[in-house]
Amino acid sequence: TVIPMLPHKLSNGICSLNEGVIRLTESCVMEIDKNGKVVNYDIFPSFIKSNKKMTYSDVNEILMRDVIPSGYEPYAGILKEMNELAHILRKEKISRGYIDFGIDEAKIICDDKGRAKEIKRVIREDGEKMIEDFMIAANETVASAIYNMDLPFIYRVHDIPNSEKLDDFMKFISVLGYQVNANLKNITPKTLQDILKQLEDKPEHEVLASNLLRSMKKAKYQSNNIGHFGLGSECNL
């Protein structure tokens, strides 16, 4: 089931990108170089018309298995180009400190009365990751533009983890017999990247990554831009 953040008339109406329907939008057009850096951008009022309603499963058939579902033939080429760009953006994010905990999510399947009847593991493939990469690039570009204009704004921020909680995590994994090298006196996103890298081949990796995630602070919205630790981002919305 889906619980929309906006009233149903909005979420399924003028805020929904229905196929073949013109919608008024605010566009952020970015020029991105081969290293994943935004070198130019323009933000302007616009309108768009979605050519096709797609699903992640169909898009992933193209990107992951080179199988083109019926009706997707005109879009297969551009989807593959988009995926190339997404990989470039993700590589740039990782180089600056983006933390990927690699923890799968759970999807709860409900019956017609809204009662949970099954839990499935959600497999994130390139289609889901591509949308995430593009959204982050757009969010950072818009947030940076407003920040540079020194205008009042609400940012999505993520503070540095508490060193005591990280210390507790290190003690926890030492009880399991694992020794990890990490500088907890100068915590950066790369600190957590290094910890996860050293634990990636352990049989309890998902449990360890989940515990490390819990040692971090929660992201929140505020007017003071302190950056986003988990994304390794200086400015985000």
C-alpha atoms as a PDB file:
ATOM      1  CA  THR A   1       0.000   0.000   0.000  1.00  0.00           C
ATOM      2  CA  VAL A   2       1.066   3.614  -0.455  1.00  0.00           C
ATOM      3  CA  ILE A   3       0.445   6.466   1.963  1.00  0.00           C
ATOM      4  CA  PRO A   4       1.047   9.725   0.041  1.00  0.00           C
ATOM      5  CA  MET A   5       2.652  12.717   1.718  1.00  0.00           C
ATOM      6  CA  LEU A   6       0.190  15.033  -0.032  1.00  0.00           C
ATOM      7  CA  PRO A   7      -3.626  14.849  -0.173  1.00  0.00           C
ATOM      8  CA  HIS A   8      -4.811  12.220  -2.652  1.00  0.00           C
ATOM      9  CA  LYS A   9      -6.225  14.803  -5.093  1.00  0.00           C
ATOM     10  CA  LEU A  10      -2.776  16.394  -5.346  1.00  0.00           C
ATOM     11  CA  SER A  11      -0.565  13.293  -5.231  1.00  0.00           C
ATOM     12  CA  ASN A  12      -2.600  11.508  -7.911  1.00  0.00           C
ATOM     13  CA  GLY A  13      -3.586  14.714  -9.699  1.00  0.00           C
ATOM     14  CA  ILE A  14      -1.561  17.796 -10.609  1.00  0.00           C
ATOM     15  CA  CYS A  15       1.548  16.558  -8.717  1.00  0.00           C
ATOM     16  CA  SER A  16       1.603  13.228 -10.556  1.00  0.00           C
ATOM     17  CA  LEU A  17       3.565  12.863 -13.796  1.00  0.00           C
ATOM     18  CA  ASN A  18       0.908  11.009 -15.756  1.00  0.00           C
ATOM     19  CA  GLU A  19       1.799   9.721 -19.200  1.00  0.00           C
ATOM     20  CA  GLY A  20       1.050  12.149 -22.008  1.00  0.00           C
ATOM     21  CA  VAL A  21      -0.210  14.899 -19.668  1.00  0.00           C
ATOM     22  CA  ILE A  22       1.385  18.355 -19.498  1.00  0.00           C
ATOM     23  CA  ARG A  23       2.451  19.431 -16.002  1.00  0.00           C
ATOM     24  CA  LEU A  24       3.798  22.772 -14.789  1.00  0.00           C
ATOM     25  CA  THR A  25       7.230  22.235 -13.262  1.00  0.00           C
ATOM     26  CA  GLU A  26      10.384  23.905 -11.977  1.00  0.00           C
ATOM     27  CA  SER A  27      13.303  22.487 -13.953  1.00  0.00           C
ATOM     28  CA  CYS A  28      16.942  22.160 -12.957  1.00  0.00           C
ATOM     29  CA  VAL A  29      19.041  21.492 -16.057  1.00  0.00           C
ATOM     30  CA  MET A  30      22.626  20.528 -15.250  1.00  0.00           C
ATOM     31  CA  GLU A  31      25.760  20.104 -17.333  1.00  0.00           C
ATOM     32  CA  ILE A  32      27.938  17.392 -15.772  1.00  0.00           C
ATOM     33  CA  ASP A  33      31.507  16.621 -16.800  1.00  0.00           C
ATOM     34  CA  LYS A  34      33.143  13.195 -17.151  1.00  0.00           C
ATOM     35  CA  ASN A  35      34.222  13.322 -13.498  1.00  0.00           C
ATOM     36  CA  GLY A  36      30.667  13.764 -12.211  1.00  0.00           C
ATOM     37  CA  LYS A  37      31.030  17.460 -11.376  1.00  0.00           C
ATOM     38  CA  VAL A  38      28.232  19.927 -12.142  1.00  0.00           C
ATOM     39  CA  VAL A  39      29.980  22.569 -14.261  1.00  0.00           C
ATOM     40  CA  ASN A  40      26.914  24.563 -15.311  1.00  0.00           C
ATOM     41  CA  TYR A  41      23.219  24.674 -14.483  1.00  0.00           C
ATOM     42  CA  ASP A  42      20.008  26.594 -15.046  1.00  0.00           C
ATOM     43  CA  ILE A  43      16.875  26.635 -12.870  1.00  0.00           C
ATOM     44  CA  PHE A  44      13.671  27.914 -14.480  1.00  0.00           C
ATOM     45  CA  PRO A  45       9.858  27.566 -14.602  1.00  0.00           C
ATOM     46  CA  SER A  46       8.805  25.069 -17.272  1.00  0.00           C
ATOM     47  CA  PHE A  47       6.275  22.484 -18.344  1.00  0.00           C
ATOM     48  CA  ILE A  48       6.884  18.853 -19.208  1.00  0.00           C
ATOM     49  CA  LYS A  49       4.935  15.996 -20.745  1.00  0.00           C
ATOM     50  CA  SER A  50       5.929  12.477 -19.719  1.00  0.00           C
ATOM     51  CA  ASN A  51       6.284  10.213 -22.755  1.00  0.00           C
ATOM     52  CA  LYS A  52       5.891   6.902 -20.963  1.00  0.00           C
ATOM     53  CA  LYS A  53       4.966   5.542 -17.578  1.00  0.00           C
ATOM     54  CA  MET A  54       7.785   3.146 -16.638  1.00  0.00           C
ATOM     55  CA  THR A  55       8.371   0.681 -13.826  1.00  0.00           C
ATOM     56  CA  TYR A  56      11.618  -0.108 -12.037  1.00  0.00           C
ATOM     57  CA  SER A  57      11.285  -3.790 -12.931  1.00  0.00           C
ATOM     58  CA  ASP A  58      11.002  -3.043 -16.664  1.00  0.00           C
ATOM     59  CA  VAL A  59      13.835  -0.487 -16.603  1.00  0.00           C
ATOM     60  CA  ASN A  60      16.055  -2.946 -14.734  1.00  0.00           C
ATOM     61  CA  GLU A  61      15.413  -5.577 -17.400  1.00  0.00           C
ATOM     62  CA  ILE A  62      17.065  -3.157 -19.848  1.00  0.00           C
ATOM     63  CA  LEU A  63      19.888  -1.941 -17.616  1.00  0.00           C
ATOM     64  CA  MET A  64      20.768  -5.178 -15.820  1.00  0.00           C
ATOM     65  CA  ARG A  65      19.880  -7.914 -18.327  1.00  0.00           C
ATOM     66  CA  ASP A  66      19.793  -6.145 -21.716  1.00  0.00           C
ATOM     67  CA  VAL A  67      16.210  -7.298 -22.256  1.00  0.00           C
ATOM     68  CA  ILE A  68      13.861  -4.699 -23.759  1.00  0.00           C
ATOM     69  CA  PRO A  69      10.216  -5.071 -22.636  1.00  0.00           C
ATOM     70  CA  SER A  70       7.473  -4.332 -25.163  1.00  0.00           C
ATOM     71  CA  GLY A  71       6.884  -0.601 -25.569  1.00  0.00           C
ATOM     72  CA  TYR A  72      10.332   0.381 -24.299  1.00  0.00           C
ATOM     73  CA  GLU A  73      12.122   0.094 -27.648  1.00  0.00           C
ATOM     74  CA  PRO A  74      12.353   3.892 -28.294  1.00  0.00           C
ATOM     75  CA  TYR A  75      13.772   4.515 -24.809  1.00  0.00           C
ATOM     76  CA  ALA A  76      16.330   1.729 -24.315  1.00  0.00           C
ATOM     77  CA  GLY A  77      19.253   3.753 -25.714  1.00  0.00           C
ATOM     78  CA  ILE A  78      18.654   6.867 -23.613  1.00  0.00           C
ATOM     79  CA  LEU A  79      18.080   4.762 -20.489  1.00  0.00           C
ATOM     80  CA  LYS A  80      21.485   3.140 -20.975  1.00  0.00           C
ATOM     81  CA  GLU A  81      23.103   6.570 -21.436  1.00  0.00           C
ATOM     82  CA  MET A  82      21.383   7.785 -18.279  1.00  0.00           C
ATOM     83  CA  ASN A  83      22.764   4.782 -16.432  1.00  0.00           C
ATOM     84  CA  GLU A  84      26.297   5.600 -17.615  1.00  0.00           C
ATOM     85  CA  LEU A  85      25.916   9.071 -16.131  1.00  0.00           C
ATOM     86  CA  ALA A  86      24.482   7.634 -12.909  1.00  0.00           C
ATOM     87  CA  HIS A  87      27.575   5.447 -12.493  1.00  0.00           C
ATOM     88  CA  ILE A  88      29.803   8.515 -13.015  1.00  0.00           C
ATOM     89  CA  LEU A  89      27.819  10.465 -10.395  1.00  0.00           C
ATOM     90  CA  ARG A  90      27.965   7.572  -7.921  1.00  0.00           C
ATOM     91  CA  LYS A  91      31.726   7.216  -8.366  1.00  0.00           C
ATOM     92  CA  GLU A  92      32.140  10.939  -7.633  1.00  0.00           C
ATOM     93  CA  LYS A  93      29.938  10.681  -4.536  1.00  0.00           C
ATOM     94  CA  ILE A  94      31.961   7.768  -3.199  1.00  0.00           C
ATOM     95  CA  SER A  95      35.234   9.636  -3.813  1.00  0.00           C
ATOM     96  CA  ARG A  96      34.067  12.536  -1.632  1.00  0.00           C
ATOM     97  CA  GLY A  97      32.779  10.302   1.174  1.00  0.00           C
ATOM     98  CA  TYR A  98      29.257   9.055   0.318  1.00  0.00           C
ATOM     99  CA  ILE A  99      28.474   6.165   2.669  1.00  0.00           C
ATOM    100  CA  ASP A 100      26.687   3.147   1.197  1.00  0.00           C
ATOM    101  CA  PHE A 101      25.775   0.805   4.042  1.00  0.00           C
ATOM    102  CA  GLY A 102      24.582  -1.851   1.597  1.00  0.00           C
ATOM    103  CA  ILE A 103      21.611  -2.804   3.769  1.00  0.00           C
ATOM    104  CA  ASP A 104      18.617  -4.250   1.943  1.00  0.00           C
ATOM    105  CA  GLU A 105      15.183  -2.884   2.782  1.00  0.00           C
ATOM    106  CA  ALA A 106      12.053  -4.894   3.548  1.00  0.00           C
ATOM    107  CA  LYS A 107       8.761  -4.545   1.695  1.00  0.00           C
ATOM    108  CA  ILE A 108       5.631  -5.459   3.632  1.00  0.00           C
ATOM    109  CA  ILE A 109       2.904  -7.043   1.510  1.00  0.00           C
ATOM    110  CA  CYS A 110      -0.618  -6.327   2.778  1.00  0.00           C
ATOM    111  CA  ASP A 111      -3.945  -7.997   2.051  1.00  0.00           C
ATOM    112  CA  ASP A 112      -7.044  -6.131   0.870  1.00  0.00           C
ATOM    113  CA  LYS A 113      -7.816  -5.168   4.471  1.00  0.00           C
ATOM    114  CA  GLY A 114      -4.392  -3.609   5.024  1.00  0.00           C
ATOM    115  CA  ARG A 115      -3.060  -6.421   7.214  1.00  0.00           C
ATOM    116  CA  ALA A 116       0.532  -7.572   6.712  1.00  0.00           C
ATOM    117  CA  LYS A 117       0.719 -11.029   5.154  1.00  0.00           C
ATOM    118  CA  GLU A 118       4.281 -11.256   3.840  1.00  0.00           C
ATOM    119  CA  ILE A 119       7.678  -9.553   4.056  1.00  0.00           C
ATOM    120  CA  LYS A 120       9.972  -9.514   1.029  1.00  0.00           C
ATOM    121  CA  ARG A 121      13.544  -8.368   0.610  1.00  0.00           C
ATOM    122  CA  VAL A 122      13.772  -5.333  -1.686  1.00  0.00           C
ATOM    123  CA  ILE A 123      16.528  -5.727  -4.268  1.00  0.00           C
ATOM    124  CA  ARG A 124      17.879  -2.354  -5.423  1.00  0.00           C
ATOM    125  CA  GLU A 125      19.262  -2.501  -8.941  1.00  0.00           C
ATOM    126  CA  ASP A 126      20.562   0.163 -11.319  1.00  0.00           C
ATOM    127  CA  GLY A 127      17.112   1.626 -12.025  1.00  0.00           C
ATOM    128  CA  GLU A 128      16.509   2.551  -8.387  1.00  0.00           C
ATOM    129  CA  LYS A 129      20.102   3.735  -7.890  1.00  0.00           C
ATOM    130  CA  MET A 130      19.940   5.896 -11.038  1.00  0.00           C
ATOM    131  CA  ILE A 131      16.903   7.830  -9.803  1.00  0.00           C
ATOM    132  CA  GLU A 132      18.572   8.295  -6.402  1.00  0.00           C
ATOM    133  CA  ASP A 133      21.789   9.592  -8.004  1.00  0.00           C
ATOM    134  CA  PHE A 134      19.910  12.050 -10.229  1.00  0.00           C
ATOM    135  CA  MET A 135      17.729  13.308  -7.369  1.00  0.00           C
ATOM    136  CA  ILE A 136      20.753  13.941  -5.143  1.00  0.00           C
ATOM    137  CA  ALA A 137      22.522  15.820  -7.966  1.00  0.00           C
ATOM    138  CA  ALA A 138      19.456  18.025  -8.484  1.00  0.00           C
ATOM    139  CA  ASN A 139      18.927  18.583  -4.742  1.00  0.00           C
ATOM    140  CA  GLU A 140      22.552  19.604  -4.210  1.00  0.00           C
ATOM    141  CA  THR A 141      22.534  21.931  -7.217  1.00  0.00           C
ATOM    142  CA  VAL A 142      19.355  23.753  -6.145  1.00  0.00           C
ATOM    143  CA  ALA A 143      20.458  23.942  -2.497  1.00  0.00           C
ATOM    144  CA  SER A 144      23.885  25.286  -3.488  1.00  0.00           C
ATOM    145  CA  ALA A 145      22.320  27.913  -5.779  1.00  0.00           C
ATOM    146  CA  ILE A 146      20.097  29.237  -2.990  1.00  0.00           C
ATOM    147  CA  TYR A 147      22.914  29.042  -0.411  1.00  0.00           C
ATOM    148  CA  ASN A 148      25.235  31.036  -2.677  1.00  0.00           C
ATOM    149  CA  MET A 149      22.539  33.723  -3.044  1.00  0.00           C
ATOM    150  CA  ASP A 150      22.475  33.969   0.774  1.00  0.00           C
ATOM    151  CA  LEU A 151      18.711  33.516   0.861  1.00  0.00           C
ATOM    152  CA  PRO A 152      16.836  32.028   3.840  1.00  0.00           C
ATOM    153  CA  PHE A 153      16.184  28.341   3.178  1.00  0.00           C
ATOM    154  CA  ILE A 154      15.520  24.959   4.790  1.00  0.00           C
ATOM    155  CA  TYR A 155      18.271  22.369   4.222  1.00  0.00           C
ATOM    156  CA  ARG A 156      18.329  18.646   4.846  1.00  0.00           C
ATOM    157  CA  VAL A 157      21.376  18.234   7.065  1.00  0.00           C
ATOM    158  CA  HIS A 158      23.169  15.328   8.690  1.00  0.00           C
ATOM    159  CA  ASP A 159      25.584  15.989  11.534  1.00  0.00           C
ATOM    160  CA  ILE A 160      28.831  14.192  12.395  1.00  0.00           C
ATOM    161  CA  PRO A 161      28.293  10.979  14.418  1.00  0.00           C
ATOM    162  CA  ASN A 162      28.811  10.970  18.143  1.00  0.00           C
ATOM    163  CA  SER A 163      32.316   9.625  18.858  1.00  0.00           C
ATOM    164  CA  GLU A 164      31.078   7.790  21.960  1.00  0.00           C
ATOM    165  CA  LYS A 165      28.534   5.825  19.928  1.00  0.00           C
ATOM    166  CA  LEU A 166      31.185   4.922  17.372  1.00  0.00           C
ATOM    167  CA  ASP A 167      33.470   3.863  20.209  1.00  0.00           C
ATOM    168  CA  ASP A 168      30.686   1.596  21.526  1.00  0.00           C
ATOM    169  CA  PHE A 169      30.370   0.086  18.049  1.00  0.00           C
ATOM    170  CA  MET A 170      34.108  -0.617  17.926  1.00  0.00           C
ATOM    171  CA  LYS A 171      33.867  -2.375  21.297  1.00  0.00           C
ATOM    172  CA  PHE A 172      30.902  -4.394  20.006  1.00  0.00           C
ATOM    173  CA  ILE A 173      32.780  -5.725  16.975  1.00  0.00           C
ATOM    174  CA  SER A 174      35.874  -6.443  19.087  1.00  0.00           C
ATOM    175  CA  VAL A 175      33.721  -8.780  21.208  1.00  0.00           C
ATOM    176  CA  LEU A 176      33.042 -10.681  17.959  1.00  0.00           C
ATOM    177  CA  GLY A 177      36.783 -10.934  17.418  1.00  0.00           C
ATOM    178  CA  TYR A 178      37.132  -8.289  14.717  1.00  0.00           C
ATOM    179  CA  GLN A 179      39.784  -5.582  14.813  1.00  0.00           C
ATOM    180  CA  VAL A 180      39.232  -2.480  12.675  1.00  0.00           C
ATOM    181  CA  ASN A 181      41.609   0.402  12.140  1.00  0.00           C
ATOM    182  CA  ALA A 182      39.839   3.762  12.395  1.00  0.00           C
ATOM    183  CA  ASN A 183      40.707   7.279  13.555  1.00  0.00           C
ATOM    184  CA  LEU A 184      37.804   8.245  15.816  1.00  0.00           C
ATOM    185  CA  LYS A 185      39.473  11.509  16.837  1.00  0.00           C
ATOM    186  CA  ASN A 186      38.905  12.964  13.380  1.00  0.00           C
ATOM    187  CA  ILE A 187      35.650  11.458  12.096  1.00  0.00           C
ATOM    188  CA  THR A 188      34.906  12.030   8.402  1.00  0.00           C
ATOM    189  CA  PRO A 189      32.629  10.167   5.987  1.00  0.00           C
ATOM    190  CA  LYS A 190      35.696   8.302   4.756  1.00  0.00           C
ATOM    191  CA  THR A 191      36.215   7.015   8.317  1.00  0.00           C
ATOM    192  CA  LEU A 192      32.950   5.099   8.075  1.00  0.00           C
ATOM    193  CA  GLN A 193      33.717   4.078   4.497  1.00  0.00           C
ATOM    194  CA  ASP A 194      36.954   2.476   5.732  1.00  0.00           C
ATOM    195  CA  ILE A 195      35.183   0.690   8.597  1.00  0.00           C
ATOM    196  CA  LEU A 196      32.571  -0.772   6.234  1.00  0.00           C
ATOM    197  CA  LYS A 197      35.279  -1.791   3.768  1.00  0.00           C
ATOM    198  CA  GLN A 198      37.117  -3.728   6.476  1.00  0.00           C
ATOM    199  CA  LEU A 199      33.902  -5.530   7.469  1.00  0.00           C
ATOM    200  CA  GLU A 200      32.475  -6.251   4.023  1.00  0.00           C
ATOM    201  CA  ASP A 201      33.696  -9.870   3.872  1.00  0.00           C
ATOM    202  CA  LYS A 202      32.470 -10.804   7.358  1.00  0.00           C
ATOM    203  CA  PRO A 203      29.505 -13.226   7.548  1.00  0.00           C
ATOM    204  CA  GLU A 204      27.661 -10.814   9.845  1.00  0.00           C
ATOM    205  CA  HIS A 205      28.191  -7.860   7.505  1.00  0.00           C
ATOM    206  CA  GLU A 206      24.530  -6.792   7.307  1.00  0.00           C
ATOM    207  CA  VAL A 207      24.124  -6.897  11.089  1.00  0.00           C
ATOM    208  CA  LEU A 208      27.373  -4.984  11.597  1.00  0.00           C
ATOM    209  CA  ALA A 209      26.475  -2.387   8.952  1.00  0.00           C
ATOM    210  CA  SER A 210      23.035  -1.955  10.531  1.00  0.00           C
ATOM    211  CA  ASN A 211      24.605  -1.378  13.947  1.00  0.00           C
ATOM    212  CA  LEU A 212      27.050   1.128  12.485  1.00  0.00           C
ATOM    213  CA  LEU A 213      24.145   2.947  10.844  1.00  0.00           C
ATOM    214  CA  ARG A 214      22.409   3.199  14.234  1.00  0.00           C
ATOM    215  CA  SER A 215      25.488   4.890  15.672  1.00  0.00           C
ATOM    216  CA  MET A 216      24.956   7.818  13.326  1.00  0.00           C
ATOM    217  CA  LYS A 217      22.762  10.823  13.972  1.00  0.00           C
ATOM    218  CA  LYS A 218      19.469  11.229  12.143  1.00  0.00           C
ATOM    219  CA  ALA A 219      19.138  13.592   9.211  1.00  0.00           C
ATOM    220  CA  LYS A 220      16.867  16.565   9.824  1.00  0.00           C
ATOM    221  CA  TYR A 221      15.690  19.838   8.307  1.00  0.00           C
ATOM    222  CA  GLN A 222      16.973  23.184   9.535  1.00  0.00           C
ATOM    223  CA  SER A 223      17.843  26.672   8.274  1.00  0.00           C
ATOM    224  CA  ASN A 224      21.537  26.426   9.207  1.00  0.00           C
ATOM    225  CA  ASN A 225      23.446  24.544   6.524  1.00  0.00           C
ATOM    226  CA  ILE A 226      25.997  22.219   8.188  1.00  0.00           C
ATOM    227  CA  GLY A 227      26.190  19.822   5.248  1.00  0.00           C
ATOM    228  CA  HIS A 228      25.123  16.201   4.955  1.00  0.00           C
ATOM    229  CA  PHE A 229      27.615  13.770   6.526  1.00  0.00           C
ATOM    230  CA  GLY A 230      26.153  10.561   5.088  1.00  0.00           C
ATOM    231  CA  LEU A 231      26.190  11.922   1.532  1.00  0.00           C
ATOM    232  CA  GLY A 232      29.562  13.603   1.922  1.00  0.00           C
ATOM    233  CA  SER A 233      27.722  16.719   0.708  1.00  0.00           C
ATOM    234  CA  GLU A 234      28.352  20.354   1.551  1.00  0.00           C
ATOM    235  CA  CYS A 235      24.802  21.390   0.670  1.00  0.00           C
ATOM    236  CA  ASN A 236      21.599  19.411   0.247  1.00  0.00           C
ATOM    237  CA  LEU A 237      17.821  19.839   0.393  1.00  0.00           C
END
